[in-house]
């Protein structure tokens, strides 16, 4: 069928210049993005997104065929293997288009712009950033005239037949249609629509988010924090119950910790792990449900164990597919996580295996996926099943591991630094704090060029790559502030201040009353951005809360007033479409509580000081900064330089600890 469709293309089209790239593989092999590098062995002559591909398309009078995705996605891998490896289809793509790969993680703003246009064209699979792969045909003005999600070989053949014929025989109409597609999407883009924000916005949003059937970490976080604002125990308990149910669902890796992207997509994304770990940590602080602590810690353990990068930061993702020994080079979706009954019985013995089968609803069939199913069984992971699960995890770790995307993205690492720092402080786990510290050192040394005031987005192949976006600045600042809270090391506060100042200089737009995205989006695709809390929290949502915290620590008046300006700039959106901005609503909840600083003075070597700091760190108080002021030494001098208003605070007799609550430069003993 594919061969017949391709023959139709060859008969219907004139023979275009056969100037396919002589060997694009060598160029792709050195690309910064793993998603792009993976195209090096394909019969399709892929090029990376950029000016070279654009110029070639104009020179050869061909459209651009752009395939957008992420390396971890099994759907992306399957299309690469099942469709793009077919010689006839590859020849058609090479002859009649300029094939281009665009990594969603490398250029999220461009991927979003193209997905927005595709969605306005009613392409069913282009649902934000979960519809990858997305395949679009672009004119020389980089405007889409055709788009589709994942395509089987026959469907790809039909897609190429129809649209390359249109390009050849109806060029003027295609250009006009593509421009109209972009203008239609632009009409749906973000508009200046300021408005007042008040508690009524939160009251209206909560029931809407509670109806969602697909769990979203930021939506559940808002419901949890809003319940705390209202002192609504019933709403808090509802969120806790929902989290317990998620932890026994196919989303959660019962043996190894961490969360899969969807129940059927086994990839694990760094951002998802950070958001879910923070959500479960927060929920434990408010409920003290030990099962929530179990899930939070297991997720952080997974990241430290399996996503830790060689350079000290964290890799972007772990793939869905992995190899089966002795069965060739094909990757199999989720096979790393599946078991047979015979395998488990052989490893554990009959008695322990029977307990495991009963608890995890595992059948006689091959390909068992462990699922607790019942939230009341979570305690069995801590108690009776801890040893057999640990043994199976050890065996599983010796299987061929799913590949990882080794790119270290600034925003994702900032988010993970936050999760580890908070987890380390709340659970009194130095391993997490140390991992956060190591990641912060790696990211700030490799991606933050302090003398030039420049942040890069990605450390790929041991070299910084791509200018950082606003989300990179904002999430890195958040991570450094959380690490300062957890480690009491003033260097992280100083770096957070410097990076925030640079974010202000580069991205603050007074006419909008918010931070702009910052991007390399082509001119023809600008104006399509709609800020959302999606894969990661939006830059303005994170920045609003960062500024509240920084203002409390530094007394900076601009930082104190700017969050209100941000909220107002999104006022109409929050009322009309608050479900797309749950993290911004979360930031507004935080703004209703006056930030405070708790300063503990004392000797860090004395047990009473350690106990007081640990007790305070475990308490739920999201708008509190915890500062430790030693009685002497370089660490004390650095704190006094950064926070001079604590200089008069003293420890008790014999250097025993005292706690002070500070606000607006004034401190009172607690």
Foldseek 3Di string as FASTA:
>chain_A
DLVVLLVLLVVLDDFFPLPFPPQQLVVQCPDQFPQSNVCSPFLASEDEDDDVLLVVCVVRVAWEKEWEDAPQWPLQVCLRPQARRPPSNSSLCRRHHHYYYYYCLQFVVQLQLLLLLVVLVVAPLSDGRVSPGKIFIADSLRFGLDIYGRDGNVRSSVVSSVVSSCCRPVVVVSVVNRLVSLVSLLVVFDDFDFDADDCVLLVVVLVVLVPDPDDDLLSLLLQCLVCVLVVPVVSLVVSVVVLLQCCQALQFQLQQAAGAPDSQFRKGFLLRLLSQLVSLLLSCQVPVPVLSLVRSVSSLVNQVPPQQAPQLFGFGIFHQWFDDPPPDDDTDGNPLQWAALVVLCVQPPDPLSVVQCVQQVFDNDGGTHGGRNDSVCSCCCVPVCVVSSNSVVVVSVPGGGGDTGNKRFLLSRLSQLLSLLLSCLQVVNVVSLVSSVSNLVSQCVQAQDLVVRFGAGIQGPNHGDHGDWLSSLLSNLNSLLSSCLRVLFCVSVVVSVSSVVSQCVPFDDVVLLFGDTDRPHRPSSPSSDHFFCDSHAGSRLSLLQSLLLNCFQQVDPCSNPSSSSSCRSCVVCSNVPVVRHSSSSVSVSVVVDRAKEKEKEFAPVDPQSVVVSSVVSNHDDVRYRYHYQYQDDPSNVSSCVRRVLCVVDDADPPRRMWMWMDGPSDIDTD
